[in-house]
N, C-alpha and C. Protein backbone atom coordinates (compact mmCIF):
# COMPACT_ATOMS: atom_id res chain seq x y z
N GLN A 1 82.19 43.47 146.77
CA GLN A 1 82.47 43.26 145.36
C GLN A 1 81.91 44.44 144.56
N VAL A 2 82.70 44.91 143.62
CA VAL A 2 82.30 46.03 142.77
C VAL A 2 82.50 45.62 141.32
N GLN A 3 81.52 45.84 140.51
CA GLN A 3 81.64 45.63 139.07
C GLN A 3 81.59 46.97 138.38
N LEU A 4 82.48 47.16 137.40
CA LEU A 4 82.62 48.43 136.72
C LEU A 4 82.44 48.24 135.22
N VAL A 5 81.66 49.11 134.61
CA VAL A 5 81.42 49.02 133.16
C VAL A 5 81.62 50.40 132.55
N GLU A 6 82.64 50.52 131.68
CA GLU A 6 82.93 51.78 131.02
C GLU A 6 82.12 51.93 129.74
N SER A 7 81.92 53.18 129.34
CA SER A 7 81.29 53.50 128.06
C SER A 7 81.76 54.89 127.63
N GLY A 8 81.51 55.20 126.37
CA GLY A 8 81.78 56.55 125.88
C GLY A 8 83.02 56.70 125.03
N GLY A 9 83.77 55.62 124.86
CA GLY A 9 84.95 55.72 124.00
C GLY A 9 84.56 55.85 122.54
N GLY A 10 85.56 56.10 121.71
CA GLY A 10 85.30 56.22 120.29
C GLY A 10 86.44 56.88 119.56
N LEU A 11 86.15 57.29 118.33
CA LEU A 11 87.12 57.95 117.47
C LEU A 11 86.81 59.44 117.42
N VAL A 12 87.84 60.26 117.64
CA VAL A 12 87.66 61.70 117.64
C VAL A 12 88.88 62.35 117.02
N GLN A 13 88.69 63.50 116.42
CA GLN A 13 89.82 64.23 115.84
C GLN A 13 90.60 64.96 116.93
N ALA A 14 91.85 65.18 116.67
CA ALA A 14 92.68 65.95 117.60
C ALA A 14 92.03 67.30 117.86
N GLY A 15 92.04 67.69 119.13
CA GLY A 15 91.40 68.93 119.55
C GLY A 15 89.97 68.76 119.99
N GLY A 16 89.41 67.58 119.75
CA GLY A 16 88.03 67.31 120.11
C GLY A 16 87.88 66.85 121.54
N SER A 17 86.65 66.46 121.88
CA SER A 17 86.33 66.07 123.26
C SER A 17 85.56 64.76 123.27
N LEU A 18 85.70 64.06 124.39
CA LEU A 18 84.92 62.86 124.68
C LEU A 18 84.64 62.84 126.17
N ARG A 19 83.54 62.21 126.54
CA ARG A 19 83.27 61.98 127.95
C ARG A 19 83.08 60.48 128.19
N LEU A 20 83.92 59.94 129.03
CA LEU A 20 83.81 58.55 129.42
C LEU A 20 82.97 58.44 130.69
N SER A 21 82.21 57.37 130.75
CA SER A 21 81.42 57.06 131.95
C SER A 21 81.79 55.67 132.43
N CYS A 22 81.63 55.49 133.73
CA CYS A 22 81.88 54.16 134.31
C CYS A 22 80.80 53.93 135.37
N ALA A 23 79.94 52.98 135.09
CA ALA A 23 78.85 52.65 136.02
C ALA A 23 79.30 51.51 136.92
N ALA A 24 79.02 51.66 138.19
CA ALA A 24 79.46 50.68 139.18
C ALA A 24 78.29 50.04 139.90
N SER A 25 78.45 48.79 140.23
CA SER A 25 77.48 48.11 141.09
C SER A 25 78.03 48.08 142.50
N GLY A 26 77.20 47.80 143.47
CA GLY A 26 77.69 47.70 144.83
C GLY A 26 77.17 48.81 145.72
N ARG A 27 76.85 48.45 146.96
CA ARG A 27 76.25 49.41 147.86
C ARG A 27 77.26 50.29 148.56
N THR A 28 78.56 49.97 148.44
CA THR A 28 79.58 50.75 149.14
C THR A 28 80.36 51.63 148.19
N PHE A 29 79.72 52.03 147.11
CA PHE A 29 80.38 52.81 146.05
C PHE A 29 81.11 54.02 146.62
N ARG A 30 80.48 54.77 147.49
CA ARG A 30 81.08 56.02 147.94
C ARG A 30 82.28 55.81 148.84
N SER A 31 82.53 54.61 149.27
CA SER A 31 83.68 54.34 150.12
C SER A 31 84.96 54.13 149.31
N TYR A 32 84.84 54.04 148.00
CA TYR A 32 86.00 53.75 147.16
C TYR A 32 86.58 55.00 146.51
N VAL A 33 87.90 55.04 146.43
CA VAL A 33 88.58 55.96 145.52
C VAL A 33 88.38 55.40 144.12
N LEU A 34 88.06 56.26 143.18
CA LEU A 34 87.87 55.83 141.80
C LEU A 34 88.95 56.45 140.92
N GLY A 35 89.48 55.64 140.05
CA GLY A 35 90.55 56.11 139.19
C GLY A 35 90.30 55.78 137.73
N TRP A 36 90.94 56.53 136.87
CA TRP A 36 91.00 56.22 135.45
C TRP A 36 92.47 55.97 135.09
N PHE A 37 92.69 54.90 134.38
CA PHE A 37 94.02 54.56 133.87
C PHE A 37 93.88 54.35 132.37
N ARG A 38 95.01 54.32 131.68
CA ARG A 38 94.97 54.05 130.24
C ARG A 38 96.18 53.23 129.85
N GLN A 39 96.00 52.50 128.76
CA GLN A 39 97.08 51.66 128.25
C GLN A 39 97.12 51.75 126.74
N ALA A 40 98.24 52.27 126.24
CA ALA A 40 98.47 52.35 124.80
C ALA A 40 99.19 51.07 124.36
N PRO A 41 99.09 50.73 123.08
CA PRO A 41 99.76 49.50 122.59
C PRO A 41 101.24 49.51 122.89
N GLY A 42 101.71 48.42 123.46
CA GLY A 42 103.13 48.29 123.75
C GLY A 42 103.61 49.04 124.98
N LYS A 43 102.68 49.66 125.70
CA LYS A 43 103.06 50.43 126.89
C LYS A 43 102.37 49.88 128.13
N GLU A 44 102.90 50.26 129.28
CA GLU A 44 102.29 49.85 130.53
C GLU A 44 101.04 50.70 130.81
N ARG A 45 100.17 50.14 131.63
CA ARG A 45 98.99 50.88 132.04
C ARG A 45 99.42 52.03 132.94
N GLU A 46 98.94 53.24 132.64
CA GLU A 46 99.38 54.41 133.38
C GLU A 46 98.21 55.15 134.01
N PHE A 47 98.52 55.81 135.10
CA PHE A 47 97.53 56.59 135.83
C PHE A 47 97.12 57.81 135.02
N VAL A 48 95.82 58.12 135.06
CA VAL A 48 95.31 59.32 134.41
C VAL A 48 94.74 60.29 135.45
N ALA A 49 93.82 59.80 136.28
CA ALA A 49 93.17 60.68 137.26
C ALA A 49 92.51 59.83 138.33
N ARG A 50 92.27 60.43 139.49
CA ARG A 50 91.53 59.75 140.55
C ARG A 50 90.69 60.78 141.30
N VAL A 51 89.67 60.27 141.99
CA VAL A 51 88.77 61.13 142.75
C VAL A 51 88.44 60.45 144.07
N SER A 52 88.37 61.24 145.11
CA SER A 52 88.08 60.70 146.44
C SER A 52 86.63 60.25 146.54
N GLY A 53 86.32 59.57 147.63
CA GLY A 53 84.99 59.05 147.83
C GLY A 53 83.90 60.11 147.79
N SER A 54 84.18 61.24 148.35
CA SER A 54 83.20 62.33 148.38
C SER A 54 83.16 63.11 147.08
N GLY A 55 84.22 62.97 146.29
CA GLY A 55 84.34 63.75 145.06
C GLY A 55 85.06 65.07 145.25
N ALA A 56 85.44 65.38 146.47
CA ALA A 56 86.01 66.69 146.75
C ALA A 56 87.47 66.81 146.33
N VAL A 57 88.18 65.71 146.29
CA VAL A 57 89.62 65.74 146.00
C VAL A 57 89.89 64.99 144.70
N THR A 58 90.57 65.66 143.79
CA THR A 58 90.94 65.05 142.51
C THR A 58 92.43 65.21 142.28
N THR A 59 93.00 64.25 141.56
CA THR A 59 94.42 64.27 141.23
C THR A 59 94.58 63.83 139.79
N TYR A 60 95.51 64.47 139.08
CA TYR A 60 95.70 64.19 137.67
C TYR A 60 97.16 63.93 137.34
N ALA A 61 97.36 63.13 136.32
CA ALA A 61 98.70 63.00 135.75
C ALA A 61 99.06 64.31 135.07
N ASP A 62 100.33 64.64 135.06
CA ASP A 62 100.77 65.89 134.46
C ASP A 62 100.38 65.97 132.98
N SER A 63 100.36 64.84 132.32
CA SER A 63 100.09 64.81 130.88
C SER A 63 98.66 65.21 130.53
N VAL A 64 97.74 65.15 131.50
CA VAL A 64 96.35 65.47 131.20
C VAL A 64 95.83 66.66 132.01
N LYS A 65 96.64 67.16 132.89
CA LYS A 65 96.21 68.26 133.76
C LYS A 65 95.80 69.46 132.92
N GLY A 66 94.64 70.02 133.24
CA GLY A 66 94.13 71.16 132.51
C GLY A 66 93.29 70.79 131.30
N ARG A 67 93.31 69.52 130.91
CA ARG A 67 92.54 69.07 129.75
C ARG A 67 91.45 68.07 130.15
N PHE A 68 91.73 67.24 131.15
CA PHE A 68 90.79 66.21 131.58
C PHE A 68 90.20 66.60 132.94
N THR A 69 88.96 66.18 133.17
CA THR A 69 88.29 66.40 134.45
C THR A 69 87.60 65.12 134.89
N ILE A 70 87.93 64.67 136.08
CA ILE A 70 87.27 63.50 136.66
C ILE A 70 86.22 63.97 137.65
N SER A 71 85.10 63.29 137.66
CA SER A 71 84.03 63.61 138.61
C SER A 71 83.25 62.33 138.90
N ARG A 72 82.45 62.39 139.95
CA ARG A 72 81.65 61.22 140.30
C ARG A 72 80.28 61.68 140.79
N ASP A 73 79.31 60.83 140.56
CA ASP A 73 77.96 61.06 141.05
C ASP A 73 77.60 59.85 141.91
N ASN A 74 77.70 60.00 143.22
CA ASN A 74 77.47 58.86 144.10
C ASN A 74 76.01 58.41 144.11
N ALA A 75 75.12 59.30 143.77
CA ALA A 75 73.70 58.91 143.70
C ALA A 75 73.45 57.97 142.52
N LYS A 76 74.28 58.10 141.50
CA LYS A 76 74.14 57.27 140.30
C LYS A 76 75.19 56.17 140.21
N ASN A 77 76.05 56.10 141.22
CA ASN A 77 77.13 55.10 141.19
C ASN A 77 77.94 55.19 139.89
N THR A 78 78.29 56.38 139.51
CA THR A 78 78.96 56.59 138.24
C THR A 78 80.13 57.56 138.40
N VAL A 79 81.21 57.27 137.69
CA VAL A 79 82.35 58.17 137.62
C VAL A 79 82.55 58.56 136.15
N TYR A 80 82.98 59.79 135.94
CA TYR A 80 83.12 60.34 134.60
C TYR A 80 84.56 60.82 134.37
N LEU A 81 84.93 60.85 133.11
CA LEU A 81 86.17 61.47 132.70
C LEU A 81 85.88 62.33 131.47
N GLN A 82 85.85 63.63 131.68
CA GLN A 82 85.67 64.57 130.58
C GLN A 82 87.03 64.87 129.98
N MET A 83 87.18 64.61 128.69
CA MET A 83 88.47 64.78 128.03
C MET A 83 88.33 65.83 126.94
N ASN A 84 89.05 66.92 127.10
CA ASN A 84 89.03 68.01 126.13
C ASN A 84 90.41 68.18 125.50
N SER A 85 90.44 68.90 124.40
CA SER A 85 91.71 69.17 123.71
C SER A 85 92.52 67.89 123.51
N LEU A 86 91.86 66.88 123.00
CA LEU A 86 92.50 65.57 122.87
C LEU A 86 93.65 65.61 121.86
N LYS A 87 94.66 64.81 122.16
CA LYS A 87 95.86 64.72 121.33
C LYS A 87 96.01 63.27 120.87
N SER A 88 96.79 63.08 119.84
CA SER A 88 97.00 61.72 119.33
C SER A 88 97.61 60.82 120.41
N GLU A 89 98.43 61.41 121.26
CA GLU A 89 99.07 60.61 122.32
C GLU A 89 98.10 60.19 123.42
N ASP A 90 96.86 60.66 123.37
CA ASP A 90 95.85 60.20 124.31
C ASP A 90 95.21 58.90 123.85
N THR A 91 95.53 58.45 122.66
CA THR A 91 94.98 57.20 122.15
C THR A 91 95.39 56.03 123.02
N ALA A 92 94.39 55.30 123.52
CA ALA A 92 94.65 54.18 124.43
C ALA A 92 93.33 53.51 124.79
N VAL A 93 93.43 52.38 125.44
CA VAL A 93 92.26 51.81 126.11
C VAL A 93 92.20 52.42 127.50
N TYR A 94 91.04 52.95 127.85
CA TYR A 94 90.87 53.61 129.14
C TYR A 94 90.09 52.68 130.08
N TYR A 95 90.60 52.55 131.29
CA TYR A 95 90.01 51.68 132.30
C TYR A 95 89.60 52.48 133.53
N CYS A 96 88.44 52.20 134.07
CA CYS A 96 88.14 52.76 135.37
C CYS A 96 88.43 51.70 136.44
N SER A 97 88.67 52.17 137.64
CA SER A 97 89.10 51.28 138.71
C SER A 97 88.59 51.80 140.04
N ALA A 98 88.52 50.91 140.99
CA ALA A 98 88.07 51.26 142.34
C ALA A 98 89.00 50.63 143.36
N GLY A 99 89.33 51.40 144.37
CA GLY A 99 90.21 50.89 145.41
C GLY A 99 90.00 51.62 146.72
N GLY A 100 90.68 51.11 147.75
CA GLY A 100 90.50 51.69 149.07
C GLY A 100 91.55 52.71 149.45
N THR A 101 92.55 52.89 148.56
CA THR A 101 93.66 53.79 148.88
C THR A 101 93.78 54.85 147.81
N SER A 102 93.99 56.08 148.23
CA SER A 102 94.17 57.15 147.27
C SER A 102 95.60 57.10 146.75
N SER A 103 95.75 56.59 145.52
CA SER A 103 97.08 56.36 144.98
C SER A 103 97.04 56.40 143.47
N SER A 104 98.23 56.64 142.90
CA SER A 104 98.38 56.56 141.45
C SER A 104 98.93 55.20 141.03
N ASN A 105 99.17 54.34 142.00
CA ASN A 105 99.73 53.02 141.74
C ASN A 105 98.62 52.05 141.36
N ARG A 106 98.67 51.55 140.15
CA ARG A 106 97.58 50.68 139.67
C ARG A 106 97.46 49.40 140.50
N ASN A 107 98.54 48.99 141.14
CA ASN A 107 98.51 47.75 141.91
C ASN A 107 97.69 47.88 143.20
N LEU A 108 97.33 49.10 143.56
CA LEU A 108 96.57 49.31 144.78
C LEU A 108 95.07 49.41 144.51
N TYR A 109 94.67 49.21 143.28
CA TYR A 109 93.25 49.23 142.94
C TYR A 109 92.73 47.80 142.84
N ASP A 110 91.57 47.58 143.43
CA ASP A 110 91.07 46.21 143.57
C ASP A 110 90.17 45.77 142.43
N TYR A 111 89.46 46.72 141.84
CA TYR A 111 88.46 46.37 140.83
C TYR A 111 88.70 47.17 139.57
N TRP A 112 88.44 46.50 138.44
CA TRP A 112 88.70 47.11 137.14
C TRP A 112 87.55 46.84 136.18
N GLY A 113 87.30 47.81 135.32
CA GLY A 113 86.37 47.60 134.23
C GLY A 113 87.06 46.90 133.07
N GLN A 114 86.30 46.67 132.01
CA GLN A 114 86.84 45.94 130.85
C GLN A 114 87.59 46.85 129.89
N GLY A 115 87.43 48.15 130.04
CA GLY A 115 88.14 49.11 129.21
C GLY A 115 87.30 49.59 128.04
N THR A 116 87.60 50.80 127.59
CA THR A 116 86.95 51.37 126.42
C THR A 116 88.00 52.07 125.57
N GLN A 117 87.93 51.84 124.27
CA GLN A 117 88.96 52.37 123.35
C GLN A 117 88.69 53.84 123.03
N VAL A 118 89.74 54.62 123.15
CA VAL A 118 89.72 56.02 122.70
C VAL A 118 90.79 56.17 121.63
N THR A 119 90.40 56.63 120.46
CA THR A 119 91.33 56.83 119.37
C THR A 119 91.23 58.28 118.91
N VAL A 120 92.37 58.96 118.92
CA VAL A 120 92.42 60.36 118.51
C VAL A 120 93.20 60.44 117.21
N SER A 121 92.56 60.91 116.17
CA SER A 121 93.22 61.01 114.87
C SER A 121 93.81 62.41 114.70
N SER A 122 94.98 62.45 114.12
CA SER A 122 95.66 63.74 113.94
C SER A 122 95.42 64.29 112.55
């Protein structure tokens, strides 16, 4: 069982930066692929980024590539999402997730946090 708690969301102007954190419980943290997804009002939850158990392999959605960076600290049981050059279209609730398969498919992730709101004003 893994419990995930996100933090770091907020209101930021377009072009600004935010760093999201997700703290996880559980002794098998490093065995999970960790992902970030987001959901804007009226839209489906979409993949943002994922990182392998070791942290060596990362994958991004095309919409955030070059602007967002996912990383993890297995000693702290924490995954991060550094978001730079934010745009109004990045406004959404951001969720961290943990699963056993490296995938962009949200249905393959077993555990989810409660979400944190990111609002980008233009």
